[in-house]
Amino acid sequence: RVSRIVPLLLLACTFLLTGLLSLCYLLALTDML
């Protein structure tokens, strides 16, 4: 938001998607789905 540099946006999306998928993995592995 401050720098408006596209690579930062791609990196932020990568970590957000990784966090969401690892959350789904945790829910599936602990039978919380």
All heavy atoms as atom14 arrays in JSON, in Angstrom:
{
  "sequence": "RVSRIVPLLLLACTFLLTGLLSLCYLLALTDML",
  "atom14_mask": [
    [1, 1, 1, 1, 1, 1, 1, 1, 1, 1, 1, 0, 0, 0],
    [1, 1, 1, 1, 1, 1, 1, 0, 0, 0, 0, 0, 0, 0],
    [1, 1, 1, 1, 1, 1, 0, 0, 0, 0, 0, 0, 0, 0],
    [1, 1, 1, 1, 1, 1, 1, 1, 1, 1, 1, 0, 0, 0],
    [1, 1, 1, 1, 1, 1, 1, 1, 0, 0, 0, 0, 0, 0],
    [1, 1, 1, 1, 1, 1, 1, 0, 0, 0, 0, 0, 0, 0],
    [1, 1, 1, 1, 1, 1, 1, 0, 0, 0, 0, 0, 0, 0],
    [1, 1, 1, 1, 1, 1, 1, 1, 0, 0, 0, 0, 0, 0],
    [1, 1, 1, 1, 1, 1, 1, 1, 0, 0, 0, 0, 0, 0],
    [1, 1, 1, 1, 1, 1, 1, 1, 0, 0, 0, 0, 0, 0],
    [1, 1, 1, 1, 1, 1, 1, 1, 0, 0, 0, 0, 0, 0],
    [1, 1, 1, 1, 1, 0, 0, 0, 0, 0, 0, 0, 0, 0],
    [1, 1, 1, 1, 1, 1, 0, 0, 0, 0, 0, 0, 0, 0],
    [1, 1, 1, 1, 1, 1, 1, 0, 0, 0, 0, 0, 0, 0],
    [1, 1, 1, 1, 1, 1, 1, 1, 1, 1, 1, 0, 0, 0],
    [1, 1, 1, 1, 1, 1, 1, 1, 0, 0, 0, 0, 0, 0],
    [1, 1, 1, 1, 1, 1, 1, 1, 0, 0, 0, 0, 0, 0],
    [1, 1, 1, 1, 1, 1, 1, 0, 0, 0, 0, 0, 0, 0],
    [1, 1, 1, 1, 0, 0, 0, 0, 0, 0, 0, 0, 0, 0],
    [1, 1, 1, 1, 1, 1, 1, 1, 0, 0, 0, 0, 0, 0],
    [1, 1, 1, 1, 1, 1, 1, 1, 0, 0, 0, 0, 0, 0],
    [1, 1, 1, 1, 1, 1, 0, 0, 0, 0, 0, 0, 0, 0],
    [1, 1, 1, 1, 1, 1, 1, 1, 0, 0, 0, 0, 0, 0],
    [1, 1, 1, 1, 1, 1, 0, 0, 0, 0, 0, 0, 0, 0],
    [1, 1, 1, 1, 1, 1, 1, 1, 1, 1, 1, 1, 0, 0],
    [1, 1, 1, 1, 1, 1, 1, 1, 0, 0, 0, 0, 0, 0],
    [1, 1, 1, 1, 1, 1, 1, 1, 0, 0, 0, 0, 0, 0],
    [1, 1, 1, 1, 1, 0, 0, 0, 0, 0, 0, 0, 0, 0],
    [1, 1, 1, 1, 1, 1, 1, 1, 0, 0, 0, 0, 0, 0],
    [1, 1, 1, 1, 1, 1, 1, 0, 0, 0, 0, 0, 0, 0],
    [1, 1, 1, 1, 1, 1, 1, 1, 0, 0, 0, 0, 0, 0],
    [1, 1, 1, 1, 1, 1, 1, 1, 0, 0, 0, 0, 0, 0],
    [1, 1, 1, 1, 1, 1, 1, 1, 0, 0, 0, 0, 0, 0]
  ],
  "atom14_positions": [
    [[0.83, -1.21, 0.0], [0.0, 0.0, 0.0], [0.86, 1.26, 0.0], [0.49, 2.26, -0.61], [-0.92, 0.02, 1.21], [-2.04, -1.0, 1.17], [-2.86, -0.93, 2.45], [-3.36, 0.41, 2.68], [-3.86, 0.83, 3.84], [-3.87, 0.02, 4.88], [-4.31, 2.05, 3.96], [0.0, 0.0, 0.0], [0.0, 0.0, 0.0], [0.0, 0.0, 0.0]],
    [[1.99, 1.19, 0.69], [2.88, 2.36, 0.76], [3.74, 2.47, -0.49], [3.88, 3.55, -1.08], [3.77, 2.28, 2.02], [4.75, 3.42, 2.05], [2.9, 2.28, 3.27], [0.0, 0.0, 0.0], [0.0, 0.0, 0.0], [0.0, 0.0, 0.0], [0.0, 0.0, 0.0], [0.0, 0.0, 0.0], [0.0, 0.0, 0.0], [0.0, 0.0, 0.0]],
    [[4.35, 1.34, -0.9], [5.33, 1.38, -2.0], [4.71, 1.23, -3.37], [5.26, 1.7, -4.36], [6.35, 0.26, -1.8], [5.72, -1.01, -1.91], [0.0, 0.0, 0.0], [0.0, 0.0, 0.0], [0.0, 0.0, 0.0], [0.0, 0.0, 0.0], [0.0, 0.0, 0.0], [0.0, 0.0, 0.0], [0.0, 0.0, 0.0], [0.0, 0.0, 0.0]],
    [[3.54, 0.52, -3.44], [2.85, 0.26, -4.71], [3.72, -0.56, -5.66], [3.61, -0.42, -6.89], [2.39, 1.56, -5.37], [1.57, 2.45, -4.46], [0.87, 3.56, -5.21], [1.76, 4.36, -6.03], [2.53, 5.34, -5.57], [2.5, 5.62, -4.28], [3.3, 6.05, -6.38], [0.0, 0.0, 0.0], [0.0, 0.0, 0.0], [0.0, 0.0, 0.0]],
    [[4.61, -1.4, -5.12], [5.49, -2.25, -5.91], [4.83, -3.62, -6.08], [4.52, -4.3, -5.09], [6.86, -2.4, -5.23], [7.54, -1.03, -5.15], [7.75, -3.36, -5.98], [8.84, -1.04, -4.4], [0.0, 0.0, 0.0], [0.0, 0.0, 0.0], [0.0, 0.0, 0.0], [0.0, 0.0, 0.0], [0.0, 0.0, 0.0], [0.0, 0.0, 0.0]],
    [[4.62, -4.04, -7.32], [3.87, -5.26, -7.62], [4.48, -6.51, -7.0], [3.75, -7.37, -6.49], [3.71, -5.42, -9.14], [3.05, -6.75, -9.48], [2.89, -4.27, -9.71], [0.0, 0.0, 0.0], [0.0, 0.0, 0.0], [0.0, 0.0, 0.0], [0.0, 0.0, 0.0], [0.0, 0.0, 0.0], [0.0, 0.0, 0.0], [0.0, 0.0, 0.0]],
    [[5.82, -6.7, -6.99], [6.38, -7.91, -6.36], [5.94, -8.09, -4.91], [5.72, -9.23, -4.47], [7.89, -7.69, -6.46], [8.07, -6.85, -7.67], [6.88, -5.93, -7.69], [0.0, 0.0, 0.0], [0.0, 0.0, 0.0], [0.0, 0.0, 0.0], [0.0, 0.0, 0.0], [0.0, 0.0, 0.0], [0.0, 0.0, 0.0], [0.0, 0.0, 0.0]],
    [[5.79, -7.0, -4.18], [5.32, -7.12, -2.79], [3.9, -7.67, -2.74], [3.55, -8.44, -1.84], [5.38, -5.76, -2.09], [6.74, -5.33, -1.54], [6.63, -3.95, -0.9], [7.25, -6.33, -0.53], [0.0, 0.0, 0.0], [0.0, 0.0, 0.0], [0.0, 0.0, 0.0], [0.0, 0.0, 0.0], [0.0, 0.0, 0.0], [0.0, 0.0, 0.0]],
    [[3.07, -7.26, -3.69], [1.7, -7.76, -3.74], [1.7, -9.26, -4.01], [0.95, -10.02, -3.37], [0.91, -7.03, -4.81], [-0.55, -7.46, -4.99], [-1.34, -7.21, -3.72], [-1.18, -6.72, -6.17], [0.0, 0.0, 0.0], [0.0, 0.0, 0.0], [0.0, 0.0, 0.0], [0.0, 0.0, 0.0], [0.0, 0.0, 0.0], [0.0, 0.0, 0.0]],
    [[2.53, -9.72, -4.94], [2.61, -11.16, -5.24], [3.1, -11.94, -4.03], [2.58, -13.02, -3.72], [3.55, -11.38, -6.43], [3.07, -10.85, -7.78], [4.15, -11.02, -8.83], [1.79, -11.55, -8.21], [0.0, 0.0, 0.0], [0.0, 0.0, 0.0], [0.0, 0.0, 0.0], [0.0, 0.0, 0.0], [0.0, 0.0, 0.0], [0.0, 0.0, 0.0]],
    [[4.09, -11.41, -3.33], [4.62, -12.1, -2.16], [3.58, -12.14, -1.03], [3.44, -13.16, -0.34], [5.9, -11.41, -1.68], [6.73, -12.17, -0.65], [7.18, -13.52, -1.21], [7.94, -11.34, -0.23], [0.0, 0.0, 0.0], [0.0, 0.0, 0.0], [0.0, 0.0, 0.0], [0.0, 0.0, 0.0], [0.0, 0.0, 0.0], [0.0, 0.0, 0.0]],
    [[2.85, -11.04, -0.85], [1.81, -11.01, 0.18], [0.72, -12.05, -0.14], [0.25, -12.76, 0.76], [1.21, -9.61, 0.26], [0.0, 0.0, 0.0], [0.0, 0.0, 0.0], [0.0, 0.0, 0.0], [0.0, 0.0, 0.0], [0.0, 0.0, 0.0], [0.0, 0.0, 0.0], [0.0, 0.0, 0.0], [0.0, 0.0, 0.0], [0.0, 0.0, 0.0]],
    [[0.32, -12.14, -1.41], [-0.69, -13.13, -1.81], [-0.19, -14.55, -1.59], [-0.95, -15.44, -1.19], [-1.06, -12.92, -3.27], [-1.99, -11.4, -3.59], [0.0, 0.0, 0.0], [0.0, 0.0, 0.0], [0.0, 0.0, 0.0], [0.0, 0.0, 0.0], [0.0, 0.0, 0.0], [0.0, 0.0, 0.0], [0.0, 0.0, 0.0], [0.0, 0.0, 0.0]],
    [[1.11, -14.77, -1.84], [1.69, -16.11, -1.64], [1.58, -16.53, -0.19], [1.16, -17.66, 0.12], [3.17, -16.1, -2.08], [3.24, -15.79, -3.47], [3.81, -17.44, -1.81], [0.0, 0.0, 0.0], [0.0, 0.0, 0.0], [0.0, 0.0, 0.0], [0.0, 0.0, 0.0], [0.0, 0.0, 0.0], [0.0, 0.0, 0.0], [0.0, 0.0, 0.0]],
    [[1.94, -15.62, 0.73], [1.88, -15.98, 2.16], [0.44, -16.09, 2.64], [0.13, -16.94, 3.49], [2.64, -14.94, 2.99], [4.12, -15.22, 3.08], [5.0, -14.65, 2.19], [4.62, -16.08, 4.05], [6.37, -14.92, 2.26], [5.97, -16.36, 4.13], [6.85, -15.78, 3.23], [0.0, 0.0, 0.0], [0.0, 0.0, 0.0], [0.0, 0.0, 0.0]],
    [[-0.45, -15.27, 2.09], [-1.85, -15.38, 2.49], [-2.44, -16.71, 2.03], [-3.12, -17.41, 2.81], [-2.65, -14.22, 1.9], [-4.15, -14.23, 2.19], [-4.41, -14.19, 3.69], [-4.84, -13.06, 1.49], [0.0, 0.0, 0.0], [0.0, 0.0, 0.0], [0.0, 0.0, 0.0], [0.0, 0.0, 0.0], [0.0, 0.0, 0.0], [0.0, 0.0, 0.0]],
    [[-2.17, -17.08, 0.78], [-2.69, -18.36, 0.28], [-2.07, -19.53, 1.03], [-2.77, -20.5, 1.37], [-2.37, -18.47, -1.22], [-2.89, -19.73, -1.92], [-4.4, -19.85, -1.78], [-2.48, -19.74, -3.39], [0.0, 0.0, 0.0], [0.0, 0.0, 0.0], [0.0, 0.0, 0.0], [0.0, 0.0, 0.0], [0.0, 0.0, 0.0], [0.0, 0.0, 0.0]],
    [[-0.78, -19.45, 1.34], [-0.13, -20.52, 2.12], [-0.76, -20.65, 3.49], [-1.0, -21.77, 3.98], [1.38, -20.19, 2.26], [1.96, -20.13, 0.96], [2.07, -21.25, 3.08], [0.0, 0.0, 0.0], [0.0, 0.0, 0.0], [0.0, 0.0, 0.0], [0.0, 0.0, 0.0], [0.0, 0.0, 0.0], [0.0, 0.0, 0.0], [0.0, 0.0, 0.0]],
    [[-1.03, -19.51, 4.13], [-1.66, -19.55, 5.46], [-3.05, -20.17, 5.42], [-3.42, -20.98, 6.29], [0.0, 0.0, 0.0], [0.0, 0.0, 0.0], [0.0, 0.0, 0.0], [0.0, 0.0, 0.0], [0.0, 0.0, 0.0], [0.0, 0.0, 0.0], [0.0, 0.0, 0.0], [0.0, 0.0, 0.0], [0.0, 0.0, 0.0], [0.0, 0.0, 0.0]],
    [[-3.84, -19.81, 4.39], [-5.2, -20.36, 4.28], [-5.17, -21.87, 4.0], [-5.95, -22.64, 4.6], [-5.96, -19.63, 3.17], [-6.26, -18.15, 3.44], [-6.9, -17.51, 2.21], [-7.17, -17.99, 4.66], [0.0, 0.0, 0.0], [0.0, 0.0, 0.0], [0.0, 0.0, 0.0], [0.0, 0.0, 0.0], [0.0, 0.0, 0.0], [0.0, 0.0, 0.0]],
    [[-4.27, -22.31, 3.11], [-4.19, -23.74, 2.79], [-3.66, -24.54, 3.97], [-4.12, -25.67, 4.22], [-3.31, -23.95, 1.56], [-3.88, -23.44, 0.23], [-2.88, -23.65, -0.89], [-5.2, -24.15, -0.08], [0.0, 0.0, 0.0], [0.0, 0.0, 0.0], [0.0, 0.0, 0.0], [0.0, 0.0, 0.0], [0.0, 0.0, 0.0], [0.0, 0.0, 0.0]],
    [[-2.69, -23.99, 4.7], [-2.2, -24.71, 5.88], [-3.26, -24.77, 6.96], [-3.33, -25.75, 7.73], [-0.92, -24.05, 6.4], [-1.15, -22.69, 6.74], [0.0, 0.0, 0.0], [0.0, 0.0, 0.0], [0.0, 0.0, 0.0], [0.0, 0.0, 0.0], [0.0, 0.0, 0.0], [0.0, 0.0, 0.0], [0.0, 0.0, 0.0], [0.0, 0.0, 0.0]],
    [[-4.13, -23.76, 7.03], [-5.24, -23.8, 7.96], [-6.22, -24.92, 7.58], [-6.67, -25.69, 8.45], [-5.96, -22.45, 7.98], [-7.27, -22.38, 8.79], [-7.0, -22.68, 10.27], [-7.94, -21.01, 8.63], [0.0, 0.0, 0.0], [0.0, 0.0, 0.0], [0.0, 0.0, 0.0], [0.0, 0.0, 0.0], [0.0, 0.0, 0.0], [0.0, 0.0, 0.0]],
    [[-6.54, -24.99, 6.3], [-7.43, -26.07, 5.84], [-6.79, -27.44, 6.1], [-7.49, -28.4, 6.48], [-7.73, -25.9, 4.35], [-8.69, -24.41, 3.96], [0.0, 0.0, 0.0], [0.0, 0.0, 0.0], [0.0, 0.0, 0.0], [0.0, 0.0, 0.0], [0.0, 0.0, 0.0], [0.0, 0.0, 0.0], [0.0, 0.0, 0.0], [0.0, 0.0, 0.0]],
    [[-5.48, -27.55, 5.88], [-4.77, -28.81, 6.15], [-4.86, -29.19, 7.62], [-5.1, -30.36, 7.96], [-3.31, -28.65, 5.71], [-2.43, -29.82, 6.04], [-2.6, -31.05, 5.41], [-1.42, -29.71, 7.0], [-1.79, -32.14, 5.71], [-0.6, -30.79, 7.3], [-0.79, -32.0, 6.66], [0.01, -33.08, 6.96], [0.0, 0.0, 0.0], [0.0, 0.0, 0.0]],
    [[-4.68, -28.2, 8.5], [-4.79, -28.46, 9.94], [-6.2, -28.93, 10.3], [-6.37, -29.89, 11.07], [-4.44, -27.19, 10.72], [-4.68, -27.23, 12.23], [-3.79, -28.28, 12.88], [-4.41, -25.86, 12.86], [0.0, 0.0, 0.0], [0.0, 0.0, 0.0], [0.0, 0.0, 0.0], [0.0, 0.0, 0.0], [0.0, 0.0, 0.0], [0.0, 0.0, 0.0]],
    [[-7.22, -28.27, 9.73], [-8.61, -28.66, 10.03], [-8.89, -30.07, 9.54], [-9.58, -30.86, 10.2], [-9.58, -27.67, 9.37], [-9.52, -26.23, 9.88], [-10.47, -25.34, 9.1], [-9.86, -26.17, 11.38], [0.0, 0.0, 0.0], [0.0, 0.0, 0.0], [0.0, 0.0, 0.0], [0.0, 0.0, 0.0], [0.0, 0.0, 0.0], [0.0, 0.0, 0.0]],
    [[-8.36, -30.41, 8.36], [-8.6, -31.75, 7.81], [-7.88, -32.82, 8.62], [-8.44, -33.9, 8.9], [-8.16, -31.8, 6.35], [0.0, 0.0, 0.0], [0.0, 0.0, 0.0], [0.0, 0.0, 0.0], [0.0, 0.0, 0.0], [0.0, 0.0, 0.0], [0.0, 0.0, 0.0], [0.0, 0.0, 0.0], [0.0, 0.0, 0.0], [0.0, 0.0, 0.0]],
    [[-6.65, -32.55, 9.01], [-5.86, -33.55, 9.72], [-6.35, -33.76, 11.15], [-6.16, -34.84, 11.73], [-4.38, -33.13, 9.73], [-3.37, -34.26, 9.89], [-3.49, -35.25, 8.73], [-1.94, -33.71, 9.95], [0.0, 0.0, 0.0], [0.0, 0.0, 0.0], [0.0, 0.0, 0.0], [0.0, 0.0, 0.0], [0.0, 0.0, 0.0], [0.0, 0.0, 0.0]],
    [[-6.98, -32.76, 11.72], [-7.51, -32.89, 13.09], [-9.0, -33.19, 13.09], [-9.67, -33.03, 14.13], [-7.23, -31.59, 13.87], [-7.78, -30.48, 13.15], [-5.74, -31.38, 14.09], [0.0, 0.0, 0.0], [0.0, 0.0, 0.0], [0.0, 0.0, 0.0], [0.0, 0.0, 0.0], [0.0, 0.0, 0.0], [0.0, 0.0, 0.0], [0.0, 0.0, 0.0]],
    [[-9.55, -33.58, 11.91], [-10.96, -33.97, 11.79], [-11.91, -32.85, 12.22], [-12.96, -33.1, 12.84], [-11.24, -35.23, 12.62], [-10.46, -36.42, 12.13], [-10.24, -36.5, 10.9], [-10.03, -37.24, 12.96], [0.0, 0.0, 0.0], [0.0, 0.0, 0.0], [0.0, 0.0, 0.0], [0.0, 0.0, 0.0], [0.0, 0.0, 0.0], [0.0, 0.0, 0.0]],
    [[-11.56, -31.61, 11.89], [-12.42, -30.48, 12.26], [-13.25, -29.99, 11.07], [-14.04, -29.07, 11.2], [-11.58, -29.32, 12.8], [-10.86, -29.67, 14.1], [-9.98, -28.27, 14.82], [-11.33, -27.19, 15.28], [0.0, 0.0, 0.0], [0.0, 0.0, 0.0], [0.0, 0.0, 0.0], [0.0, 0.0, 0.0], [0.0, 0.0, 0.0], [0.0, 0.0, 0.0]],
    [[-13.06, -30.61, 9.9], [-13.96, -30.34, 8.77], [-15.23, -31.15, 8.94], [-15.25, -32.15, 9.67], [-13.26, -30.69, 7.45], [-12.12, -29.76, 7.0], [-11.49, -30.3, 5.72], [-12.65, -28.34, 6.77], [0.0, 0.0, 0.0], [0.0, 0.0, 0.0], [0.0, 0.0, 0.0], [0.0, 0.0, 0.0], [0.0, 0.0, 0.0], [0.0, 0.0, 0.0]]
  ]
}
